[in-house]
């Protein structure tokens, strides 16, 4: 009896100790620096969002959050480094919409399913813009002209071949019953040079986010005809949606989402998500985003995952029809 009693006491002590160790371990996260991987170069929009969040999360979590730019392979290098990291919460990063494109392009087998999606913190809807001296003052008149003229008459630019805004244009054309290449795509290094080319008369249309054209719109050199969002954008209240302008149901926004490798512990995800939400709602982040014309968008966990998955399906369909999928 005495021996059994001692064994029971010992077992209870061991169980209590192990429980205490487990609880302490859960409560101690994070107890060392966190790495924030940005899969795009320093100085760009994704880098800016990553760095402001690193600063805010450092305050919230009480440990250093260090930004590391892992560039190359059209986003493959950085996204792969993030997906392949240990799922312990000490490597997180910024996932961009290119994750929904690169596997369709045959660049990688990586998809959004290789990540634990914590929260979407930004989304900039696409838009359709023309030069201020264009004869087209509304999207319906532009669409009529595109349909009336032979294939290739109109030209558009705003990113590289098969880039996000090329897909934005192709998706809109398909939604209007046109071939995805009815408007000729002129590759460029991004929206800014595309807009510059449009203002100079080199192309007719730029389908980038209105945020990227904001300075030229404010200067009266670019005319926004429509937004690819489901509702009008707060920053551009006079710009109709595609649905309002022509009845098109096509929508597209580029987004930035904070993620970790697939398989992170639930308590770690909960800690990170709570800190991210607090940072998102901070005056510093709101001011930072508004001053740069970036769109605010909050969606956590399941909702964010559903948005990313829906974009993967729609972009894959467009890329397949446009002959851009492999």
Foldseek 3Di string as FASTA:
>chain_A
DVVVVVVVVVVVVVVVVVVVVVVVVLVPPPVEAAEAEQADDPPDPQNVVSVLLQVLLCVVRVYHYHYDHQYDLQSPRRVVVQLPDPQALRYKYKDKLCLLPCVQLVSDVGHPVQWQFFKWWFKFFWFKKAWLPDPDQAPVVVVVVLVVDAQAPAEAEFAAVSDDQLLVQLLQQVLVVHQSRSHPYDHDHGRVVRVVCRLVPNGGMYTGGVLVVVVCVVVSGMHIHETQDPADDPVCNPHHHPCVRPNGNGIDIMTITMIGGPDHDPSSSVSVSVSSVVSSPDPVNVCVCVVSSTGTDIDGGPRVVVVSVVSSVSSSVSCVSNVSGD
